[in-house]
Amino acid sequence: MIFTCEEHIDIAIDEYVDETEQAPDLAPVDNNEKQCSFCEKKAVYVVGN
């Protein structure tokens, strides 16, 4: 799973599709303690299946 902020959602989706060759599920992050996988901001979404 990839945690991402609003700014990096496109990169997260592209990375997931490149790795798995499947469409990802996109869900809001339940707690705001997770950090974006691409920067220091708090994650808003989790990308994965």
PDB file of N, CA and C in Angstrom:
ATOM      1  N   MET A   1       0.843  -1.177   0.000  1.00  0.00           N
ATOM      2  CA  MET A   1       0.000   0.000   0.000  1.00  0.00           C
ATOM      3  C   MET A   1       0.886   1.238   0.000  1.00  0.00           C
ATOM      4  N   ILE A   2       0.402   2.252  -0.683  1.00  0.00           N
ATOM      5  CA  ILE A   2       1.138   3.507  -0.778  1.00  0.00           C
ATOM      6  C   ILE A   2       0.291   4.594  -0.130  1.00  0.00           C
ATOM      7  N   PHE A   3       0.862   5.286   0.826  1.00  0.00           N
ATOM      8  CA  PHE A   3       0.185   6.411   1.456  1.00  0.00           C
ATOM      9  C   PHE A   3       0.594   7.679   0.723  1.00  0.00           C
ATOM     10  N   THR A   4      -0.383   8.549   0.429  1.00  0.00           N
ATOM     11  CA  THR A   4      -0.081   9.724  -0.377  1.00  0.00           C
ATOM     12  C   THR A   4      -0.903  10.942   0.030  1.00  0.00           C
ATOM     13  N   CYS A   5      -0.312  12.109  -0.190  1.00  0.00           N
ATOM     14  CA  CYS A   5      -1.022  13.370   0.011  1.00  0.00           C
ATOM     15  C   CYS A   5      -1.756  13.707  -1.290  1.00  0.00           C
ATOM     16  N   GLU A   6      -2.530  14.800  -1.287  1.00  0.00           N
ATOM     17  CA  GLU A   6      -3.271  15.208  -2.486  1.00  0.00           C
ATOM     18  C   GLU A   6      -2.330  15.509  -3.654  1.00  0.00           C
ATOM     19  N   GLU A   7      -1.181  16.070  -3.352  1.00  0.00           N
ATOM     20  CA  GLU A   7      -0.236  16.499  -4.387  1.00  0.00           C
ATOM     21  C   GLU A   7       0.369  15.327  -5.157  1.00  0.00           C
ATOM     22  N   HIS A   8       0.561  14.199  -4.513  1.00  0.00           N
ATOM     23  CA  HIS A   8       1.271  13.078  -5.126  1.00  0.00           C
ATOM     24  C   HIS A   8       0.376  11.892  -5.489  1.00  0.00           C
ATOM     25  N   ILE A   9      -0.927  12.077  -5.527  1.00  0.00           N
ATOM     26  CA  ILE A   9      -1.838  10.973  -5.811  1.00  0.00           C
ATOM     27  C   ILE A   9      -1.595  10.371  -7.198  1.00  0.00           C
ATOM     28  N   ASP A  10      -1.315  11.219  -8.193  1.00  0.00           N
ATOM     29  CA  ASP A  10      -1.067  10.715  -9.552  1.00  0.00           C
ATOM     30  C   ASP A  10       0.167   9.822  -9.601  1.00  0.00           C
ATOM     31  N   ILE A  11       1.216  10.228  -8.915  1.00  0.00           N
ATOM     32  CA  ILE A  11       2.450   9.440  -8.884  1.00  0.00           C
ATOM     33  C   ILE A  11       2.203   8.103  -8.195  1.00  0.00           C
ATOM     34  N   ALA A  12       1.451   8.126  -7.107  1.00  0.00           N
ATOM     35  CA  ALA A  12       1.163   6.895  -6.367  1.00  0.00           C
ATOM     36  C   ALA A  12       0.375   5.904  -7.222  1.00  0.00           C
ATOM     37  N   ILE A  13      -0.618   6.394  -7.941  1.00  0.00           N
ATOM     38  CA  ILE A  13      -1.419   5.521  -8.806  1.00  0.00           C
ATOM     39  C   ILE A  13      -0.544   4.947  -9.919  1.00  0.00           C
ATOM     40  N   ASP A  14       0.258   5.799 -10.562  1.00  0.00           N
ATOM     41  CA  ASP A  14       1.146   5.330 -11.631  1.00  0.00           C
ATOM     42  C   ASP A  14       2.120   4.274 -11.124  1.00  0.00           C
ATOM     43  N   GLU A  15       2.699   4.503  -9.959  1.00  0.00           N
ATOM     44  CA  GLU A  15       3.658   3.559  -9.386  1.00  0.00           C
ATOM     45  C   GLU A  15       2.991   2.218  -9.084  1.00  0.00           C
ATOM     46  N   TYR A  16       1.782   2.270  -8.534  1.00  0.00           N
ATOM     47  CA  TYR A  16       1.060   1.038  -8.209  1.00  0.00           C
ATOM     48  C   TYR A  16       0.742   0.244  -9.482  1.00  0.00           C
ATOM     49  N   VAL A  17       0.256   0.925 -10.512  1.00  0.00           N
ATOM     50  CA  VAL A  17      -0.087   0.249 -11.765  1.00  0.00           C
ATOM     51  C   VAL A  17       1.163  -0.337 -12.416  1.00  0.00           C
ATOM     52  N   ASP A  18       2.268   0.397 -12.388  1.00  0.00           N
ATOM     53  CA  ASP A  18       3.523  -0.115 -12.953  1.00  0.00           C
ATOM     54  C   ASP A  18       3.976  -1.388 -12.247  1.00  0.00           C
ATOM     55  N   GLU A  19       3.820  -1.443 -10.937  1.00  0.00           N
ATOM     56  CA  GLU A  19       4.280  -2.593 -10.157  1.00  0.00           C
ATOM     57  C   GLU A  19       3.357  -3.801 -10.273  1.00  0.00           C
ATOM     58  N   THR A  20       2.038  -3.561 -10.282  1.00  0.00           N
ATOM     59  CA  THR A  20       1.090  -4.679 -10.210  1.00  0.00           C
ATOM     60  C   THR A  20       0.331  -4.947 -11.504  1.00  0.00           C
ATOM     61  N   GLU A  21       0.327  -3.986 -12.427  1.00  0.00           N
ATOM     62  CA  GLU A  21      -0.435  -4.066 -13.670  1.00  0.00           C
ATOM     63  C   GLU A  21      -1.925  -4.257 -13.413  1.00  0.00           C
ATOM     64  N   GLN A  22      -2.408  -3.706 -12.306  1.00  0.00           N
ATOM     65  CA  GLN A  22      -3.824  -3.742 -11.946  1.00  0.00           C
ATOM     66  C   GLN A  22      -4.268  -2.349 -11.523  1.00  0.00           C
ATOM     67  N   ALA A  23      -5.560  -2.103 -11.637  1.00  0.00           N
ATOM     68  CA  ALA A  23      -6.110  -0.838 -11.151  1.00  0.00           C
ATOM     69  C   ALA A  23      -6.145  -0.865  -9.625  1.00  0.00           C
ATOM     70  N   PRO A  24      -5.711   0.204  -8.984  1.00  0.00           N
ATOM     71  CA  PRO A  24      -5.679   0.223  -7.515  1.00  0.00           C
ATOM     72  C   PRO A  24      -7.012   0.638  -6.915  1.00  0.00           C
ATOM     73  N   ASP A  25      -7.217   0.260  -5.668  1.00  0.00           N
ATOM     74  CA  ASP A  25      -8.296   0.821  -4.868  1.00  0.00           C
ATOM     75  C   ASP A  25      -7.754   2.092  -4.240  1.00  0.00           C
ATOM     76  N   LEU A  26      -8.604   3.080  -4.119  1.00  0.00           N
ATOM     77  CA  LEU A  26      -8.220   4.352  -3.521  1.00  0.00           C
ATOM     78  C   LEU A  26      -9.148   4.609  -2.345  1.00  0.00           C
ATOM     79  N   ALA A  27      -8.588   4.788  -1.160  1.00  0.00           N
ATOM     80  CA  ALA A  27      -9.396   4.982   0.041  1.00  0.00           C
ATOM     81  C   ALA A  27      -8.812   6.114   0.878  1.00  0.00           C
ATOM     82  N   PRO A  28      -9.670   6.829   1.590  1.00  0.00           N
ATOM     83  CA  PRO A  28      -9.146   7.864   2.492  1.00  0.00           C
ATOM     84  C   PRO A  28      -8.415   7.221   3.668  1.00  0.00           C
ATOM     85  N   VAL A  29      -7.426   7.924   4.178  1.00  0.00           N
ATOM     86  CA  VAL A  29      -6.684   7.449   5.346  1.00  0.00           C
ATOM     87  C   VAL A  29      -7.537   7.696   6.576  1.00  0.00           C
ATOM     88  N   ASP A  30      -7.711   6.661   7.402  1.00  0.00           N
ATOM     89  CA  ASP A  30      -8.558   6.780   8.591  1.00  0.00           C
ATOM     90  C   ASP A  30      -7.952   7.679   9.652  1.00  0.00           C
ATOM     91  N   ASN A  31      -6.658   7.541   9.899  1.00  0.00           N
ATOM     92  CA  ASN A  31      -6.022   8.417  10.881  1.00  0.00           C
ATOM     93  C   ASN A  31      -4.992   9.288  10.170  1.00  0.00           C
ATOM     94  N   ASN A  32      -4.813  10.485  10.631  1.00  0.00           N
ATOM     95  CA  ASN A  32      -3.902  11.419   9.973  1.00  0.00           C
ATOM     96  C   ASN A  32      -2.471  11.291  10.460  1.00  0.00           C
ATOM     97  N   GLU A  33      -2.106  10.169  11.047  1.00  0.00           N
ATOM     98  CA  GLU A  33      -0.750   9.991  11.539  1.00  0.00           C
ATOM     99  C   GLU A  33       0.172   9.396  10.478  1.00  0.00           C
ATOM    100  N   LYS A  34      -0.377   8.965   9.361  1.00  0.00           N
ATOM    101  CA  LYS A  34       0.442   8.403   8.287  1.00  0.00           C
ATOM    102  C   LYS A  34       1.056   9.535   7.469  1.00  0.00           C
ATOM    103  N   GLN A  35       2.255   9.288   6.962  1.00  0.00           N
ATOM    104  CA  GLN A  35       2.980  10.278   6.180  1.00  0.00           C
ATOM    105  C   GLN A  35       2.980   9.866   4.715  1.00  0.00           C
ATOM    106  N   CYS A  36       2.935  10.847   3.828  1.00  0.00           N
ATOM    107  CA  CYS A  36       3.017  10.606   2.392  1.00  0.00           C
ATOM    108  C   CYS A  36       4.313   9.868   2.074  1.00  0.00           C
ATOM    109  N   SER A  37       4.234   8.917   1.161  1.00  0.00           N
ATOM    110  CA  SER A  37       5.410   8.144   0.761  1.00  0.00           C
ATOM    111  C   SER A  37       6.385   8.951  -0.094  1.00  0.00           C
ATOM    112  N   PHE A  38       5.964  10.144  -0.535  1.00  0.00           N
ATOM    113  CA  PHE A  38       6.777  10.940  -1.453  1.00  0.00           C
ATOM    114  C   PHE A  38       7.245  12.271  -0.873  1.00  0.00           C
ATOM    115  N   CYS A  39       6.693  12.670   0.270  1.00  0.00           N
ATOM    116  CA  CYS A  39       7.090  13.936   0.888  1.00  0.00           C
ATOM    117  C   CYS A  39       6.816  13.875   2.392  1.00  0.00           C
ATOM    118  N   GLU A  40       6.917  14.990   3.060  1.00  0.00           N
ATOM    119  CA  GLU A  40       6.767  15.046   4.516  1.00  0.00           C
ATOM    120  C   GLU A  40       5.326  15.338   4.970  1.00  0.00           C
ATOM    121  N   LYS A  41       4.426  15.586   4.021  1.00  0.00           N
ATOM    122  CA  LYS A  41       3.049  15.935   4.372  1.00  0.00           C
ATOM    123  C   LYS A  41       2.296  14.728   4.920  1.00  0.00           C
ATOM    124  N   LYS A  42       1.180  15.010   5.578  1.00  0.00           N
ATOM    125  CA  LYS A  42       0.324  13.926   6.078  1.00  0.00           C
ATOM    126  C   LYS A  42      -0.416  13.278   4.910  1.00  0.00           C
ATOM    127  N   ALA A  43      -0.540  11.972   4.973  1.00  0.00           N
ATOM    128  CA  ALA A  43      -1.235  11.234   3.918  1.00  0.00           C
ATOM    129  C   ALA A  43      -2.738  11.460   4.012  1.00  0.00           C
ATOM    130  N   VAL A  44      -3.360  11.573   2.854  1.00  0.00           N
ATOM    131  CA  VAL A  44      -4.806  11.743   2.763  1.00  0.00           C
ATOM    132  C   VAL A  44      -5.452  10.479   2.187  1.00  0.00           C
ATOM    133  N   TYR A  45      -4.717   9.787   1.310  1.00  0.00           N
ATOM    134  CA  TYR A  45      -5.230   8.590   0.649  1.00  0.00           C
ATOM    135  C   TYR A  45      -4.264   7.428   0.812  1.00  0.00           C
ATOM    136  N   VAL A  46      -4.828   6.228   0.720  1.00  0.00           N
ATOM    137  CA  VAL A  46      -4.018   5.017   0.633  1.00  0.00           C
ATOM    138  C   VAL A  46      -4.372   4.346  -0.699  1.00  0.00           C
ATOM    139  N   VAL A  47      -3.342   4.001  -1.459  1.00  0.00           N
ATOM    140  CA  VAL A  47      -3.498   3.388  -2.772  1.00  0.00           C
ATOM    141  C   VAL A  47      -3.059   1.934  -2.664  1.00  0.00           C
ATOM    142  N   GLY A  48      -3.920   1.021  -3.086  1.00  0.00           N
ATOM    143  CA  GLY A  48      -3.578  -0.400  -3.026  1.00  0.00           C
ATOM    144  C   GLY A  48      -4.800  -1.260  -3.227  1.00  0.00           C
ATOM    145  N   ASN A  49      -4.629  -2.557  -3.138  1.00  0.00           N
ATOM    146  CA  ASN A  49      -5.750  -3.498  -3.268  1.00  0.00           C
ATOM    147  C   ASN A  49      -5.927  -4.273  -2.006  1.00  0.00           C
TER     148      ASN A  49
END
